[in-house]
N, C-alpha and C. Protein backbone atom coordinates (compact mmCIF):
# COMPACT_ATOMS: atom_id res chain seq x y z
N UNK A 1 0.69 -1.21 0.06
CA UNK A 1 0.01 0.37 -0.08
C UNK A 1 0.56 1.44 0.15
N UNK A 2 0.39 2.06 -1.02
CA UNK A 2 1.09 3.51 -0.65
C UNK A 2 1.35 4.22 0.56
N UNK A 3 1.94 5.19 0.23
CA UNK A 3 2.11 6.27 1.47
C UNK A 3 0.43 6.74 2.03
N UNK A 4 -0.04 7.32 0.84
CA UNK A 4 -1.15 8.11 1.08
C UNK A 4 -2.55 7.39 1.23
N UNK A 5 -2.24 5.92 0.80
CA UNK A 5 -3.43 5.28 1.00
C UNK A 5 -3.23 4.42 2.61
N UNK A 6 -2.04 4.18 3.08
CA UNK A 6 -1.94 3.86 4.33
C UNK A 6 -2.11 5.03 5.28
N UNK A 7 -2.19 6.12 4.76
CA UNK A 7 -2.42 7.31 5.49
C UNK A 7 -4.04 7.39 5.90
N UNK A 8 -4.56 7.36 4.53
CA UNK A 8 -6.11 7.08 4.61
C UNK A 8 -6.61 5.98 5.64
N UNK A 9 -5.90 4.43 5.49
CA UNK A 9 -6.51 3.56 6.38
C UNK A 9 -6.33 4.23 7.79
N UNK A 10 -5.10 4.51 8.01
CA UNK A 10 -5.14 5.30 9.66
C UNK A 10 -6.16 6.07 9.82
N UNK A 11 -6.64 7.35 9.02
CA UNK A 11 -7.80 8.04 9.28
C UNK A 11 -9.20 7.15 9.31
N UNK A 12 -8.97 6.02 8.55
CA UNK A 12 -10.06 5.24 9.08
C UNK A 12 -10.33 4.49 10.54
N UNK A 13 -8.91 4.10 10.55
CA UNK A 13 -9.10 3.41 12.03
C UNK A 13 -9.34 4.37 13.16
N UNK A 14 -8.85 5.74 13.10
CA UNK A 14 -8.89 6.62 13.87
C UNK A 14 -10.42 7.12 14.10
N UNK A 15 -11.01 7.13 12.99
CA UNK A 15 -12.81 7.43 12.64
C UNK A 15 -13.41 6.45 13.64
N UNK A 16 -12.94 5.40 13.41
CA UNK A 16 -13.69 4.31 13.87
C UNK A 16 -13.75 4.37 15.45
N UNK A 17 -12.13 4.69 16.10
CA UNK A 17 -11.73 4.81 17.35
C UNK A 17 -12.87 5.91 17.78
N UNK A 18 -12.89 6.98 17.41
CA UNK A 18 -13.58 8.29 17.56
C UNK A 18 -14.86 7.97 17.84
N UNK A 19 -15.67 7.28 16.47
CA UNK A 19 -17.18 6.83 16.50
C UNK A 19 -17.32 5.80 17.88
N UNK A 20 -16.38 4.57 18.33
CA UNK A 20 -16.62 4.18 19.17
C UNK A 20 -16.89 5.09 20.84
N UNK A 21 -15.50 6.25 20.88
CA UNK A 21 -15.63 6.87 22.21
C UNK A 21 -16.92 7.55 22.07
N UNK A 22 -17.36 8.18 20.66
CA UNK A 22 -18.69 8.55 20.48
C UNK A 22 -19.98 8.21 21.48
N UNK A 23 -20.27 6.89 20.78
CA UNK A 23 -21.14 6.14 21.24
C UNK A 23 -21.14 5.09 22.47
N UNK A 24 -20.11 5.33 23.23
CA UNK A 24 -19.71 4.17 24.25
C UNK A 24 -20.44 5.26 25.63
N UNK A 25 -21.44 4.21 26.10
CA UNK A 25 -22.21 4.88 27.48
C UNK A 25 -21.62 5.45 28.27
N UNK A 26 -21.21 6.61 28.41
CA UNK A 26 -20.78 7.27 29.28
C UNK A 26 -21.38 8.10 30.37
N UNK A 27 -21.39 8.22 31.67
CA UNK A 27 -21.95 9.24 32.85
C UNK A 27 -22.39 10.52 32.07
N UNK A 28 -23.57 11.14 31.87
CA UNK A 28 -23.74 12.48 31.39
C UNK A 28 -22.85 13.70 31.68
N UNK A 29 -22.55 13.45 33.06
CA UNK A 29 -21.40 14.41 33.40
C UNK A 29 -20.29 14.57 32.57
N UNK A 30 -19.49 13.20 32.42
CA UNK A 30 -18.56 13.05 31.53
C UNK A 30 -19.06 13.60 30.09
N UNK A 31 -20.07 12.97 29.78
CA UNK A 31 -20.51 13.12 28.09
C UNK A 31 -20.27 14.57 27.86
N UNK A 32 -20.90 15.15 29.11
CA UNK A 32 -21.41 16.63 28.81
C UNK A 32 -19.85 17.37 28.59
N UNK A 33 -19.28 17.53 29.50
CA UNK A 33 -17.79 18.06 30.08
C UNK A 33 -16.90 17.60 28.62
N UNK A 34 -16.96 16.15 28.15
CA UNK A 34 -15.89 16.23 26.85
C UNK A 34 -16.57 16.91 25.81
N UNK A 35 -17.90 17.17 25.59
CA UNK A 35 -18.07 17.75 24.31
C UNK A 35 -18.07 19.06 24.67
N UNK A 36 -18.61 19.49 25.75
CA UNK A 36 -18.14 20.92 25.92
C UNK A 36 -16.55 21.41 25.83
N UNK A 37 -15.44 20.54 26.17
CA UNK A 37 -14.52 20.56 25.76
C UNK A 37 -14.21 20.56 24.05
N UNK A 38 -14.89 19.42 23.44
CA UNK A 38 -14.76 19.82 21.97
C UNK A 38 -15.20 20.86 21.44
N UNK A 39 -16.63 21.34 21.46
CA UNK A 39 -17.21 22.47 21.01
C UNK A 39 -16.22 23.76 21.31
N UNK A 40 -15.55 23.78 22.38
CA UNK A 40 -14.86 25.02 22.69
C UNK A 40 -13.44 25.41 22.33
N UNK A 41 -12.78 24.33 22.14
CA UNK A 41 -11.64 24.15 22.20
C UNK A 41 -11.03 24.73 20.91
N UNK A 42 -10.21 25.61 20.68
CA UNK A 42 -9.68 26.19 19.38
C UNK A 42 -8.83 25.04 18.44
N UNK A 43 -8.03 24.52 19.58
CA UNK A 43 -7.38 23.47 18.75
C UNK A 43 -8.01 22.41 18.12
N UNK A 44 -9.10 21.90 19.07
CA UNK A 44 -10.30 21.14 17.90
C UNK A 44 -10.38 21.61 16.72
N UNK A 45 -11.14 23.30 16.82
CA UNK A 45 -11.59 23.55 15.78
C UNK A 45 -10.58 23.60 14.47
N UNK A 46 -9.39 24.08 14.81
CA UNK A 46 -8.38 24.01 13.82
C UNK A 46 -8.26 22.06 13.26
N UNK A 47 -8.69 21.52 14.27
CA UNK A 47 -8.41 20.16 13.70
C UNK A 47 -9.07 19.64 12.89
N UNK A 48 -10.13 20.36 12.94
CA UNK A 48 -11.48 19.76 12.11
C UNK A 48 -11.56 20.36 10.82
N UNK A 49 -10.73 21.78 10.74
CA UNK A 49 -10.98 22.43 9.70
C UNK A 49 -9.52 21.56 8.74
N UNK A 50 -8.55 21.42 9.08
CA UNK A 50 -7.67 20.25 8.32
C UNK A 50 -8.32 19.06 7.98
N UNK A 51 -9.12 18.80 9.17
CA UNK A 51 -9.50 17.41 8.44
C UNK A 51 -10.61 17.42 7.56
N UNK A 52 -11.22 18.86 7.14
CA UNK A 52 -12.30 18.76 6.26
C UNK A 52 -11.26 18.87 4.80
N UNK A 53 -10.37 19.53 4.96
CA UNK A 53 -9.45 19.83 3.38
C UNK A 53 -9.10 18.30 3.05
N UNK A 54 -8.55 17.30 4.57
CA UNK A 54 -7.75 16.46 3.93
C UNK A 54 -8.91 15.21 3.52
N UNK A 55 -10.56 15.77 3.55
CA UNK A 55 -11.65 14.96 3.41
C UNK A 55 -11.67 15.26 1.58
N UNK A 56 -11.33 16.46 1.41
CA UNK A 56 -10.90 16.86 -0.21
C UNK A 56 -10.07 15.96 -0.64
N UNK A 57 -8.94 15.56 -0.35
CA UNK A 57 -7.86 15.15 -0.67
C UNK A 57 -8.54 13.64 -0.86
N UNK A 58 -8.97 13.06 0.17
CA UNK A 58 -9.29 11.58 -0.15
C UNK A 58 -10.56 11.39 -0.98
N UNK A 59 -11.13 12.38 -0.90
CA UNK A 59 -12.48 12.51 -2.21
C UNK A 59 -11.70 12.37 -3.76
N UNK A 60 -10.48 13.22 -3.61
CA UNK A 60 -10.04 13.41 -5.15
C UNK A 60 -9.17 11.52 -5.30
N UNK A 61 -8.82 10.99 -4.25
CA UNK A 61 -8.53 9.48 -4.55
C UNK A 61 -9.50 8.54 -4.69
N UNK A 62 -10.75 8.99 -4.31
CA UNK A 62 -12.06 8.36 -4.21
C UNK A 62 -11.78 7.93 -5.72
N UNK A 63 -12.21 9.20 -6.42
CA UNK A 63 -12.65 9.39 -7.70
C UNK A 63 -11.59 8.69 -8.70
N UNK A 64 -10.17 9.12 -8.10
CA UNK A 64 -9.14 8.47 -8.83
C UNK A 64 -9.33 6.66 -9.14
N UNK A 65 -9.57 6.17 -7.75
CA UNK A 65 -9.52 5.03 -7.67
C UNK A 65 -11.06 4.13 -8.45
N UNK A 66 -11.84 4.99 -8.63
CA UNK A 66 -13.06 4.57 -9.43
C UNK A 66 -12.64 4.64 -10.56
N UNK A 67 -11.76 5.30 -10.88
CA UNK A 67 -11.65 5.40 -12.36
C UNK A 67 -10.81 4.56 -12.91
N UNK A 68 -9.81 4.03 -11.88
CA UNK A 68 -8.91 3.15 -12.15
C UNK A 68 -9.76 1.67 -12.08
N UNK A 69 -10.54 1.65 -11.40
CA UNK A 69 -11.65 0.45 -11.46
C UNK A 69 -12.18 0.13 -12.71
N UNK A 70 -12.73 0.98 -13.32
CA UNK A 70 -13.35 1.51 -14.50
C UNK A 70 -12.13 0.93 -15.69
N UNK A 71 -11.24 1.31 -15.75
CA UNK A 71 -10.13 0.92 -16.34
C UNK A 71 -9.61 -0.16 -17.02
N UNK A 72 -9.59 -1.00 -15.22
CA UNK A 72 -8.89 -2.18 -15.02
C UNK A 72 -9.61 -3.18 -15.69
N UNK A 73 -11.26 -3.41 -15.34
CA UNK A 73 -12.21 -3.94 -15.96
C UNK A 73 -12.57 -3.83 -17.14
N UNK A 74 -12.19 -2.58 -17.68
CA UNK A 74 -12.33 -2.46 -19.38
C UNK A 74 -11.12 -3.13 -19.88
N UNK A 75 -9.95 -3.51 -19.23
CA UNK A 75 -8.76 -3.90 -19.66
C UNK A 75 -9.00 -5.63 -19.56
N UNK A 76 -9.92 -5.88 -18.52
CA UNK A 76 -10.22 -7.42 -18.49
C UNK A 76 -10.95 -7.62 -19.39
N UNK A 77 -12.15 -7.28 -19.86
CA UNK A 77 -13.20 -7.32 -20.86
C UNK A 77 -12.61 -7.28 -22.43
N UNK A 78 -11.26 -6.51 -22.22
CA UNK A 78 -10.59 -6.64 -23.85
C UNK A 78 -10.00 -8.09 -23.90
N UNK A 79 -9.16 -8.15 -22.87
CA UNK A 79 -8.63 -9.72 -22.55
C UNK A 79 -9.67 -10.82 -22.75
N UNK A 80 -10.96 -10.66 -21.96
CA UNK A 80 -11.69 -11.59 -22.54
C UNK A 80 -12.28 -12.07 -23.91
N UNK A 81 -12.28 -10.19 -24.38
CA UNK A 81 -12.85 -10.74 -26.14
C UNK A 81 -11.75 -11.01 -26.89
N UNK A 82 -10.79 -11.05 -26.59
CA UNK A 82 -9.57 -11.58 -27.27
C UNK A 82 -9.48 -12.85 -27.35
N UNK A 83 -9.90 -13.55 -26.72
CA UNK A 83 -10.30 -15.09 -26.71
C UNK A 83 -9.24 -15.82 -26.12
N UNK A 84 -9.38 -17.12 -26.12
CA UNK A 84 -8.35 -17.91 -25.10
C UNK A 84 -6.47 -17.78 -25.40
N UNK A 85 -6.54 -17.21 -26.81
CA UNK A 85 -4.88 -17.51 -26.94
C UNK A 85 -4.57 -15.90 -27.04
N UNK A 86 -5.52 -14.73 -26.84
CA UNK A 86 -5.55 -13.44 -26.58
C UNK A 86 -5.25 -12.96 -24.77
N UNK A 87 -4.76 -14.40 -24.17
CA UNK A 87 -4.81 -14.03 -22.95
C UNK A 87 -3.37 -14.68 -22.33
N UNK A 88 -2.49 -13.83 -22.55
CA UNK A 88 -1.28 -14.64 -21.57
C UNK A 88 -1.27 -14.58 -19.94
N UNK A 89 -0.88 -15.72 -19.42
CA UNK A 89 -1.19 -15.83 -18.29
C UNK A 89 -0.71 -14.81 -16.59
N UNK A 90 0.47 -14.51 -17.40
CA UNK A 90 1.20 -13.39 -16.16
C UNK A 90 0.28 -11.98 -16.62
N UNK A 91 0.07 -11.88 -17.89
CA UNK A 91 -0.51 -10.64 -17.95
C UNK A 91 -1.96 -10.44 -17.58
N UNK A 92 -2.56 -11.51 -17.54
CA UNK A 92 -4.14 -11.74 -16.61
C UNK A 92 -3.89 -11.45 -15.46
N UNK A 93 -2.68 -12.22 -14.63
CA UNK A 93 -2.72 -12.28 -13.39
C UNK A 93 -2.40 -10.88 -12.68
N UNK A 94 -1.56 -10.09 -13.69
CA UNK A 94 -1.02 -8.68 -13.36
C UNK A 94 -2.49 -7.92 -13.30
N UNK A 95 -3.44 -8.13 -14.56
CA UNK A 95 -4.68 -7.32 -14.27
C UNK A 95 -5.43 -7.29 -13.16
N UNK A 96 -5.59 -8.72 -13.03
CA UNK A 96 -6.11 -9.31 -11.82
C UNK A 96 -5.82 -8.35 -10.58
N UNK A 97 -4.27 -8.67 -10.28
CA UNK A 97 -3.89 -8.10 -9.52
C UNK A 97 -4.17 -6.31 -8.93
N UNK A 98 -3.74 -5.61 -10.38
CA UNK A 98 -4.15 -4.09 -10.13
C UNK A 98 -5.84 -4.23 -10.11
N UNK A 99 -6.48 -4.88 -10.50
CA UNK A 99 -8.16 -5.01 -10.19
C UNK A 99 -8.15 -5.30 -8.62
N UNK A 100 -7.72 -5.87 -8.28
CA UNK A 100 -7.88 -5.78 -6.60
C UNK A 100 -7.48 -4.60 -6.02
N UNK A 101 -6.24 -4.41 -6.49
CA UNK A 101 -5.56 -3.17 -5.76
C UNK A 101 -6.25 -1.76 -5.54
N UNK A 102 -6.95 -1.44 -6.99
CA UNK A 102 -7.71 -0.30 -6.97
C UNK A 102 -9.33 -0.61 -6.41
N UNK A 103 -9.61 -1.80 -6.30
CA UNK A 103 -10.98 -2.12 -5.76
C UNK A 103 -10.63 -1.78 -4.27
N UNK A 104 -9.59 -2.03 -3.68
CA UNK A 104 -9.24 -2.20 -2.07
C UNK A 104 -9.10 -0.46 -2.17
N UNK A 105 -8.74 0.38 -2.90
CA UNK A 105 -8.30 1.64 -2.61
C UNK A 105 -9.49 2.31 -2.67
N UNK A 106 -10.93 1.67 -3.91
CA UNK A 106 -11.53 2.55 -3.68
C UNK A 106 -12.53 2.33 -2.82
N UNK A 107 -12.86 0.98 -1.98
CA UNK A 107 -13.31 0.88 -0.88
C UNK A 107 -13.32 1.43 0.57
N UNK A 108 -11.65 1.53 0.42
CA UNK A 108 -11.11 2.31 1.84
C UNK A 108 -11.22 3.84 1.84
N UNK A 109 -10.97 4.49 0.44
CA UNK A 109 -11.41 6.13 0.28
C UNK A 109 -13.01 6.18 0.56
N UNK A 110 -13.98 5.42 -0.08
CA UNK A 110 -15.11 5.10 0.27
C UNK A 110 -15.55 5.17 1.36
N UNK A 111 -15.06 4.34 2.24
CA UNK A 111 -15.65 3.97 4.00
C UNK A 111 -15.27 5.13 4.74
N UNK A 112 -13.92 5.52 4.40
CA UNK A 112 -13.86 6.91 5.18
C UNK A 112 -14.67 7.97 5.25
N UNK A 113 -14.73 8.22 3.72
CA UNK A 113 -15.78 9.40 3.37
C UNK A 113 -17.14 9.24 3.95
N UNK A 114 -17.60 7.83 4.07
CA UNK A 114 -19.15 7.78 4.32
C UNK A 114 -18.86 7.40 6.02
N UNK A 115 -17.71 7.06 6.69
CA UNK A 115 -17.77 7.15 8.19
C UNK A 115 -17.63 8.58 8.25
N UNK A 116 -17.09 9.55 7.72
CA UNK A 116 -16.98 10.98 7.92
C UNK A 116 -18.41 11.63 8.36
N UNK A 117 -19.00 11.12 7.29
CA UNK A 117 -20.65 11.67 7.34
C UNK A 117 -21.40 11.12 8.49
N UNK A 118 -20.78 9.64 9.10
CA UNK A 118 -21.71 9.40 9.76
C UNK A 118 -21.15 9.96 11.26
N UNK A 119 -19.63 10.05 11.19
CA UNK A 119 -19.13 11.25 12.32
C UNK A 119 -19.82 12.33 12.80
N UNK A 120 -19.98 12.87 11.82
CA UNK A 120 -20.48 14.39 11.51
C UNK A 120 -21.93 13.96 12.22
N UNK A 121 -22.85 13.53 12.21
CA UNK A 121 -24.17 13.25 12.05
C UNK A 121 -24.03 12.76 13.35
N UNK A 122 -23.74 11.87 13.70
CA UNK A 122 -23.57 11.33 15.33
C UNK A 122 -23.37 12.34 16.52
N UNK A 123 -22.17 12.80 15.88
CA UNK A 123 -22.05 14.10 16.83
C UNK A 123 -22.82 15.39 16.75
N UNK A 124 -23.38 15.90 15.91
CA UNK A 124 -24.89 16.42 15.79
C UNK A 124 -25.99 16.02 16.54
N UNK A 125 -25.90 14.63 16.69
CA UNK A 125 -27.27 14.14 17.41
C UNK A 125 -26.53 14.18 18.77
N UNK A 126 -25.76 13.88 19.34
CA UNK A 126 -25.44 13.87 20.74
C UNK A 126 -25.43 15.17 21.18
N UNK A 127 -24.98 15.91 20.64
CA UNK A 127 -24.95 17.36 21.01
C UNK A 127 -26.68 18.08 21.41
N UNK A 128 -27.42 17.36 20.41
CA UNK A 128 -28.59 18.04 20.52
C UNK A 128 -29.32 16.80 21.95
N UNK A 129 -28.93 15.57 21.70
CA UNK A 129 -29.35 15.07 22.89
C UNK A 129 -29.28 15.64 24.35
N UNK A 130 -27.34 15.90 24.70
CA UNK A 130 -27.00 16.48 25.93
C UNK A 130 -28.21 18.25 25.90
N UNK A 131 -28.20 19.02 24.82
CA UNK A 131 -28.78 20.03 25.00
C UNK A 131 -30.53 19.66 25.51
N UNK A 132 -31.11 19.04 25.01
CA UNK A 132 -32.24 18.49 25.35
C UNK A 132 -32.71 17.99 27.20
N UNK A 133 -31.39 17.09 27.09
CA UNK A 133 -31.53 16.27 28.65
C UNK A 133 -31.17 17.42 29.55
N UNK A 134 -30.30 18.44 29.14
CA UNK A 134 -29.97 19.93 30.30
C UNK A 134 -31.01 20.73 30.31
N UNK A 135 -32.23 20.69 29.08
CA UNK A 135 -33.04 21.25 29.48
C UNK A 135 -33.85 20.85 30.13
N UNK A 136 -34.59 19.21 30.21
CA UNK A 136 -35.36 18.59 30.62
C UNK A 136 -34.58 18.76 32.37
N UNK A 137 -33.31 18.51 32.39
CA UNK A 137 -33.20 18.60 33.80
C UNK A 137 -33.67 19.85 34.66
N UNK A 138 -33.38 21.09 33.85
CA UNK A 138 -33.81 22.25 34.20
C UNK A 138 -35.10 22.32 34.67
N UNK A 139 -35.98 21.89 33.64
CA UNK A 139 -37.31 22.16 33.81
C UNK A 139 -38.10 21.50 34.86
N UNK A 140 -37.16 20.06 34.91
CA UNK A 140 -37.74 18.83 36.42
C UNK A 140 -37.39 19.76 37.48
N UNK A 141 -36.19 20.72 37.74
CA UNK A 141 -35.68 21.25 38.83
C UNK A 141 -36.43 22.43 39.34
N UNK A 142 -36.91 23.31 38.28
CA UNK A 142 -37.99 24.24 38.30
C UNK A 142 -39.24 23.97 38.60
N UNK A 143 -39.54 22.48 37.90
CA UNK A 143 -41.18 22.15 38.79
C UNK A 143 -40.87 21.59 40.00
N UNK A 144 -39.82 20.92 40.37
CA UNK A 144 -39.57 20.71 41.91
C UNK A 144 -39.76 21.83 42.87
N UNK A 145 -39.10 23.10 42.37
CA UNK A 145 -39.42 24.03 43.37
C UNK A 145 -40.69 24.96 42.96
N UNK A 146 -41.88 24.32 42.19
CA UNK A 146 -42.82 24.94 42.17
C UNK A 146 -43.05 26.19 41.28
N UNK A 147 -41.86 26.68 40.59
CA UNK A 147 -41.62 27.82 40.10
C UNK A 147 -42.57 27.96 38.75
N UNK A 148 -42.85 27.11 38.29
CA UNK A 148 -43.59 26.74 36.71
C UNK A 148 -45.00 25.99 36.88
N UNK A 149 -46.24 26.67 36.01
CA UNK A 149 -47.31 26.61 36.09
C UNK A 149 -47.84 25.27 35.04
N UNK A 150 -48.90 25.05 34.84
CA UNK A 150 -49.04 23.49 34.75
C UNK A 150 -49.05 23.18 33.58
N UNK A 151 -48.50 23.89 32.64
CA UNK A 151 -47.86 23.64 31.61
C UNK A 151 -46.40 22.61 31.48
N UNK A 152 -45.97 22.75 32.61
CA UNK A 152 -44.36 22.09 32.52
C UNK A 152 -44.58 20.61 32.50
N UNK A 153 -45.71 20.16 32.59
CA UNK A 153 -45.81 18.52 32.46
C UNK A 153 -45.63 18.46 30.89
N UNK A 154 -46.39 19.31 30.06
CA UNK A 154 -46.54 19.40 29.10
C UNK A 154 -45.05 19.33 28.37
N UNK A 155 -44.26 20.39 28.71
CA UNK A 155 -43.22 20.82 27.92
C UNK A 155 -42.10 19.64 28.33
N UNK A 156 -42.24 19.25 29.46
CA UNK A 156 -41.66 17.70 29.83
C UNK A 156 -41.53 16.46 28.99
N UNK A 157 -42.84 16.39 28.80
CA UNK A 157 -43.61 15.36 28.05
C UNK A 157 -42.92 15.46 26.73
N UNK A 158 -42.89 16.60 25.88
CA UNK A 158 -42.58 16.67 24.69
C UNK A 158 -41.08 16.53 24.47
N UNK A 159 -40.40 16.96 25.84
CA UNK A 159 -38.54 16.99 25.57
C UNK A 159 -38.73 15.36 25.73
N UNK A 160 -39.18 14.59 26.27
CA UNK A 160 -38.79 13.12 26.68
C UNK A 160 -39.33 12.86 25.68
N UNK A 161 -40.12 13.15 24.30
CA UNK A 161 -40.19 12.56 23.23
C UNK A 161 -39.68 12.54 22.43
N UNK A 162 -38.62 13.97 22.60
CA UNK A 162 -37.57 14.52 21.60
C UNK A 162 -36.31 13.66 21.84
N UNK A 163 -36.23 13.48 23.38
CA UNK A 163 -34.90 12.55 23.73
C UNK A 163 -35.14 11.08 22.91
N UNK A 164 -36.15 10.80 23.45
CA UNK A 164 -36.40 9.35 22.97
C UNK A 164 -36.31 9.18 21.33
N UNK A 165 -36.78 10.23 20.42
CA UNK A 165 -36.45 10.22 19.20
C UNK A 165 -35.03 10.24 18.86
N UNK A 166 -34.41 11.19 19.28
CA UNK A 166 -32.79 11.43 19.34
C UNK A 166 -32.49 10.03 19.26
N UNK A 167 -32.58 9.39 20.39
CA UNK A 167 -31.74 8.00 21.03
C UNK A 167 -32.23 7.14 20.11
N UNK A 168 -33.32 7.33 19.68
CA UNK A 168 -33.52 5.90 18.40
C UNK A 168 -33.07 6.07 17.37
N UNK A 169 -32.91 7.52 16.47
CA UNK A 169 -32.20 7.83 15.76
C UNK A 169 -30.99 7.55 15.67
N UNK A 170 -29.93 7.85 16.72
CA UNK A 170 -28.57 7.38 17.16
C UNK A 170 -28.37 5.74 17.28
N UNK A 171 -29.55 5.18 17.75
CA UNK A 171 -29.55 3.50 17.36
C UNK A 171 -29.54 3.16 16.13
N UNK A 172 -30.56 3.87 15.79
CA UNK A 172 -30.41 3.49 13.87
C UNK A 172 -29.16 3.67 13.03
N UNK A 173 -28.54 4.89 13.64
CA UNK A 173 -27.64 5.04 12.58
C UNK A 173 -26.61 3.87 13.11
N UNK A 174 -26.00 3.73 14.00
CA UNK A 174 -25.12 2.81 14.56
C UNK A 174 -25.61 1.67 14.01
N UNK A 175 -26.63 1.08 14.20
CA UNK A 175 -27.13 -0.31 13.45
C UNK A 175 -26.73 0.00 11.81
N UNK A 176 -27.15 1.00 11.20
CA UNK A 176 -26.91 0.94 9.75
C UNK A 176 -25.30 0.92 9.53
N UNK A 177 -24.33 1.50 10.76
CA UNK A 177 -23.19 1.53 10.38
C UNK A 177 -22.61 0.12 10.67
N UNK A 178 -23.23 -0.74 11.25
CA UNK A 178 -22.90 -2.03 11.84
C UNK A 178 -22.96 -2.67 10.76
N UNK A 179 -24.42 -2.71 9.66
CA UNK A 179 -24.27 -3.16 8.64
C UNK A 179 -23.74 -2.95 7.32
N UNK A 180 -23.13 -1.85 7.40
CA UNK A 180 -22.41 -1.07 6.09
C UNK A 180 -21.07 -1.90 6.46
N UNK A 181 -20.84 -1.87 7.89
CA UNK A 181 -19.30 -2.66 7.84
C UNK A 181 -19.17 -3.83 7.49
N UNK A 182 -20.48 -4.40 8.06
CA UNK A 182 -20.15 -5.98 7.31
C UNK A 182 -20.19 -6.40 6.15
N UNK A 183 -21.12 -5.60 5.11
CA UNK A 183 -20.69 -5.54 3.75
C UNK A 183 -19.95 -5.06 3.58
N UNK A 184 -18.80 -4.30 3.86
CA UNK A 184 -17.67 -3.94 3.46
C UNK A 184 -16.93 -5.21 3.56
N UNK A 185 -17.09 -5.80 4.86
CA UNK A 185 -16.06 -6.94 5.17
C UNK A 185 -16.75 -8.14 4.15
N UNK A 186 -17.56 -8.42 3.96
CA UNK A 186 -17.90 -9.29 3.00
C UNK A 186 -17.38 -9.26 1.71
N UNK A 187 -17.47 -8.08 1.16
CA UNK A 187 -16.91 -7.68 -0.18
C UNK A 187 -15.17 -7.74 -0.30
N UNK A 188 -14.70 -7.39 0.58
CA UNK A 188 -13.20 -7.57 1.00
C UNK A 188 -12.97 -9.14 0.55
N UNK A 189 -13.91 -9.94 1.36
CA UNK A 189 -13.86 -11.18 1.75
C UNK A 189 -14.03 -11.92 0.06
N UNK A 190 -14.84 -11.30 -0.39
CA UNK A 190 -15.57 -12.07 -1.73
C UNK A 190 -14.23 -11.98 -2.46
N UNK A 191 -13.66 -10.30 -2.73
CA UNK A 191 -12.63 -10.14 -3.67
C UNK A 191 -11.48 -10.72 -3.46
N UNK A 192 -11.10 -11.09 -2.24
CA UNK A 192 -9.92 -11.65 -1.84
C UNK A 192 -10.01 -13.25 -2.13
N UNK A 193 -11.02 -13.74 -2.07
CA UNK A 193 -11.56 -15.05 -2.84
C UNK A 193 -11.86 -15.11 -4.31
N UNK A 194 -11.79 -14.06 -4.63
CA UNK A 194 -12.10 -14.20 -6.43
C UNK A 194 -10.61 -14.03 -6.86
N UNK A 195 -9.74 -13.39 -6.15
CA UNK A 195 -8.29 -13.00 -6.85
C UNK A 195 -7.24 -13.93 -6.60
N UNK A 196 -6.73 -14.36 -7.70
CA UNK A 196 -5.60 -15.43 -7.51
C UNK A 196 -4.57 -15.19 -7.12
N UNK A 197 -3.84 -15.68 -6.35
CA UNK A 197 -2.81 -15.20 -5.57
C UNK A 197 -1.59 -15.98 -6.30
N UNK A 198 -0.58 -15.13 -6.66
CA UNK A 198 0.67 -15.11 -7.84
C UNK A 198 1.61 -15.85 -7.05
N UNK A 199 2.38 -16.87 -7.41
CA UNK A 199 3.06 -18.04 -6.85
C UNK A 199 4.38 -16.93 -6.88
N UNK A 200 5.05 -17.10 -5.58
CA UNK A 200 6.31 -16.56 -4.84
C UNK A 200 7.18 -17.20 -5.34
């Protein structure tokens, strides 16, 4: 794997780690402190800006890898049309190897970009949930002190429904990510099984 695809792989592993930290069940106060630090830290803001630029380069790599997959597929179809005498074993294996590597690079870049979108949405959902839970705690505290009128119960019920909806959305997002990760793993296994190994 070339250096830039190794960096893309490292970024994918980093994204998966961040996603696990985001969805890991932490106490409310710890999670709130962590997200306040992320939201207010200038270092994190600069890092997020740098990551946006990095994702533009990964998008370019993804487009390039899709183009390479298309070219190799076209080359394989030309070999198949040439008939059995037009295919040299070494050439065909070399084209198959290039097909495997180009597909691997395409999946790697594609899933890195896709996971970045999932991370962004998950981060937004969790921030919304934290804000709603904070508002709910304030309303419950105000109700306990008797500072609110009879509409407080309706507001609390509405906020409870919003929090439940946000939690179900976050769980659905996590399930969708797991499904896509399973499909990705199945595709990698399928490609590995279909690609003939070179004799050393």
